[in-house]
Amino acid sequence: MSDSPDLKSISARRRPVVAVCGSSAEDAQLNGLAEDVGRLLAAGGATLVCGGGGGVMAAACRGALAAGGVTIGILPGGDPAEANPHVQIAVATGMGHARNAIIVQTADAVIAVGGAYGTLSEIALASACGRPVVGMRTWELGGRPETIHATATPAEAVALALRLAGGGR
């Protein structure tokens, strides 16, 4: 008889992981939404993963960290010190935008808050990988409403993302 834990039971009870994607540019309104998203994700028991930079990413991490959550930054560069100060676990990839694939593959669901082309690539990759995408003030992909579940508030976005994440894989 082994004293090691049953890996299936650990996997079945792991915390959901939700990616928060958005621009690194500073935008007070979007950053406020992202900070609320991070706080609500932590309160909901989710781990937050993001690109580890500024703007929406830093705001979401700040909210999650303040609420006792876990934050992971998947960085484009090779130096973990480049992560925003609210990232607890910094993964330095040296992969540039290619790291977006790691972010969405790590997540059970994605929340996009605003965003530029990097966010658009994360939305596309998440959709291609079968990860649900919830959006607030983000890209509209004409004629493809199933790609992004649009929401108006951080509470709606987090509740939907957690439901779609199914409690983790």
Protein backbone atom coordinates (compact mmCIF):
# COMPACT_ATOMS: atom_id res chain seq x y z
CA MET A 1 0.00 0.00 0.00
CA SER A 2 1.37 3.39 -0.97
CA ASP A 3 1.29 6.56 1.12
CA SER A 4 1.30 8.72 -2.01
CA PRO A 5 -1.88 10.61 -2.85
CA ASP A 6 -4.19 9.38 -5.57
CA LEU A 7 -3.44 11.61 -8.56
CA LYS A 8 -6.98 11.31 -9.90
CA SER A 9 -8.47 12.67 -6.69
CA ILE A 10 -5.99 15.57 -6.65
CA SER A 11 -6.84 16.44 -10.26
CA ALA A 12 -10.57 16.22 -9.58
CA ARG A 13 -10.39 18.76 -6.76
CA ARG A 14 -7.90 21.29 -8.12
CA ARG A 15 -8.82 24.94 -8.21
CA PRO A 16 -10.10 26.29 -11.52
CA VAL A 17 -7.55 28.35 -13.42
CA VAL A 18 -8.87 31.45 -15.20
CA ALA A 19 -6.78 33.56 -17.56
CA VAL A 20 -7.30 37.30 -17.56
CA CYS A 21 -6.22 38.87 -20.82
CA GLY A 22 -6.00 42.52 -21.77
CA SER A 23 -3.73 45.33 -22.81
CA SER A 24 -0.58 46.31 -20.95
CA ALA A 25 -1.44 49.95 -21.66
CA GLU A 26 -2.71 51.91 -18.69
CA ASP A 27 -6.46 52.60 -18.87
CA ALA A 28 -8.04 53.53 -15.54
CA GLN A 29 -11.51 52.28 -16.49
CA LEU A 30 -10.38 48.89 -17.84
CA ASN A 31 -7.88 48.47 -15.00
CA GLY A 32 -10.68 49.06 -12.48
CA LEU A 33 -12.76 46.34 -14.13
CA ALA A 34 -9.77 43.99 -14.20
CA GLU A 35 -8.96 44.59 -10.54
CA ASP A 36 -12.55 43.67 -9.63
CA VAL A 37 -12.29 40.57 -11.84
CA GLY A 38 -9.12 39.48 -10.03
CA ARG A 39 -10.66 40.04 -6.61
CA LEU A 40 -13.80 38.09 -7.53
CA LEU A 41 -11.80 35.23 -9.05
CA ALA A 42 -9.82 34.88 -5.83
CA ALA A 43 -13.03 35.01 -3.78
CA GLY A 44 -14.42 32.28 -6.05
CA GLY A 45 -11.45 30.01 -5.39
CA ALA A 46 -9.80 30.34 -8.80
CA THR A 47 -6.13 30.72 -9.63
CA LEU A 48 -5.42 33.65 -11.96
CA VAL A 49 -3.02 33.29 -14.87
CA CYS A 50 -2.07 36.15 -17.18
CA GLY A 51 0.77 37.51 -19.30
CA GLY A 52 2.38 39.04 -16.22
CA GLY A 53 2.69 42.58 -17.57
CA GLY A 54 1.17 45.92 -16.70
CA GLY A 55 -2.25 47.41 -17.38
CA VAL A 56 -5.11 44.93 -17.18
CA MET A 57 -2.76 42.12 -16.19
CA ALA A 58 -1.28 44.00 -13.23
CA ALA A 59 -4.70 45.24 -12.13
CA ALA A 60 -6.21 41.74 -12.19
CA CYS A 61 -3.25 40.35 -10.23
CA ARG A 62 -3.49 43.21 -7.72
CA GLY A 63 -7.16 42.43 -7.09
CA ALA A 64 -6.56 38.68 -6.78
CA LEU A 65 -3.59 39.09 -4.48
CA ALA A 66 -5.46 41.55 -2.24
CA ALA A 67 -8.24 38.97 -1.87
CA GLY A 68 -5.82 36.16 -0.95
CA GLY A 69 -5.70 34.54 -4.39
CA VAL A 70 -2.89 32.94 -6.35
CA THR A 71 -1.41 34.77 -9.36
CA ILE A 72 0.72 33.34 -12.16
CA GLY A 73 2.39 35.40 -14.89
CA ILE A 74 3.51 33.75 -18.14
CA LEU A 75 6.06 36.31 -19.30
CA PRO A 76 7.10 37.07 -22.87
CA GLY A 77 10.73 37.67 -21.90
CA GLY A 78 13.41 35.62 -20.24
CA ASP A 79 13.63 37.52 -16.95
CA PRO A 80 11.18 36.71 -14.12
CA ALA A 81 11.91 40.14 -12.62
CA GLU A 82 9.95 41.68 -15.53
CA ALA A 83 6.67 40.47 -13.96
CA ASN A 84 4.36 43.02 -12.43
CA PRO A 85 4.74 43.23 -8.63
CA HIS A 86 1.48 41.35 -8.02
CA VAL A 87 2.58 38.14 -9.77
CA GLN A 88 3.43 35.44 -7.24
CA ILE A 89 4.65 32.83 -9.71
CA ALA A 90 6.55 34.23 -12.70
CA VAL A 91 7.24 31.91 -15.63
CA ALA A 92 9.84 33.48 -17.92
CA THR A 93 9.43 31.99 -21.38
CA GLY A 94 11.58 34.08 -23.74
CA MET A 95 8.84 33.36 -26.31
CA GLY A 96 7.29 36.78 -26.93
CA HIS A 97 3.69 36.57 -28.11
CA ALA A 98 4.02 32.80 -28.56
CA ARG A 99 3.60 32.56 -24.78
CA ASN A 100 -0.11 33.35 -25.35
CA ALA A 101 -0.61 29.69 -26.26
CA ILE A 102 0.74 28.69 -22.84
CA ILE A 103 -1.56 31.13 -21.08
CA VAL A 104 -4.74 29.79 -22.71
CA GLN A 105 -3.69 26.13 -22.49
CA THR A 106 -3.10 26.59 -18.75
CA ALA A 107 -6.57 28.09 -18.24
CA ASP A 108 -9.93 26.40 -17.89
CA ALA A 109 -11.60 29.64 -19.07
CA VAL A 110 -10.47 33.05 -20.30
CA ILE A 111 -11.74 36.52 -19.40
CA ALA A 112 -10.78 39.24 -21.89
CA VAL A 113 -10.96 42.82 -20.61
CA GLY A 114 -10.50 45.34 -23.41
CA GLY A 115 -7.30 44.53 -25.22
CA ALA A 116 -5.27 44.97 -28.36
CA TYR A 117 -3.85 42.44 -30.82
CA GLY A 118 -2.24 40.27 -28.14
CA THR A 119 -5.65 39.87 -26.51
CA LEU A 120 -7.17 39.06 -29.89
CA SER A 121 -4.59 36.30 -30.35
CA GLU A 122 -5.42 34.90 -26.90
CA ILE A 123 -9.14 34.91 -27.76
CA ALA A 124 -8.45 33.09 -31.02
CA LEU A 125 -6.12 30.56 -29.42
CA ALA A 126 -8.56 29.92 -26.57
CA SER A 127 -11.39 29.34 -29.03
CA ALA A 128 -9.23 27.00 -31.13
CA CYS A 129 -8.27 25.05 -27.97
CA GLY A 130 -11.85 24.76 -26.76
CA ARG A 131 -11.44 27.14 -23.85
CA PRO A 132 -14.51 29.32 -23.19
CA VAL A 133 -13.93 33.06 -23.53
CA VAL A 134 -15.85 35.66 -21.52
CA GLY A 135 -15.42 39.27 -22.56
CA MET A 136 -15.94 42.76 -21.21
CA ARG A 137 -15.41 45.70 -23.58
CA THR A 138 -13.25 43.54 -25.81
CA TRP A 139 -13.12 42.46 -29.43
CA GLU A 140 -16.32 41.73 -31.33
CA LEU A 141 -15.84 39.01 -33.88
CA GLY A 142 -18.72 39.80 -36.25
CA GLY A 143 -21.04 36.88 -36.81
CA ARG A 144 -19.33 34.62 -34.27
CA PRO A 145 -21.12 35.29 -30.99
CA GLU A 146 -20.28 31.82 -29.72
CA THR A 147 -16.60 32.78 -29.59
CA ILE A 148 -16.94 35.44 -26.88
CA HIS A 149 -19.58 35.41 -24.16
CA ALA A 150 -20.12 39.15 -23.68
CA THR A 151 -20.78 40.41 -20.16
CA ALA A 152 -21.27 43.88 -18.71
CA THR A 153 -19.84 43.63 -15.20
CA PRO A 154 -16.94 41.93 -13.43
CA ALA A 155 -19.40 39.91 -11.31
CA GLU A 156 -21.15 38.59 -14.44
CA ALA A 157 -17.84 37.83 -16.14
CA VAL A 158 -16.42 35.91 -13.18
CA ALA A 159 -19.61 33.98 -12.44
CA LEU A 160 -19.85 32.89 -16.08
CA ALA A 161 -16.15 32.05 -16.38
CA LEU A 162 -16.24 29.93 -13.22
CA ARG A 163 -19.35 28.13 -14.42
CA LEU A 164 -17.81 27.50 -17.86
CA ALA A 165 -14.53 26.41 -16.27
CA GLY A 166 -16.44 23.62 -14.54
CA GLY A 167 -14.43 23.82 -11.33
CA GLY A 168 -11.17 22.95 -13.05
CA ARG A 169 -10.30 20.12 -15.38
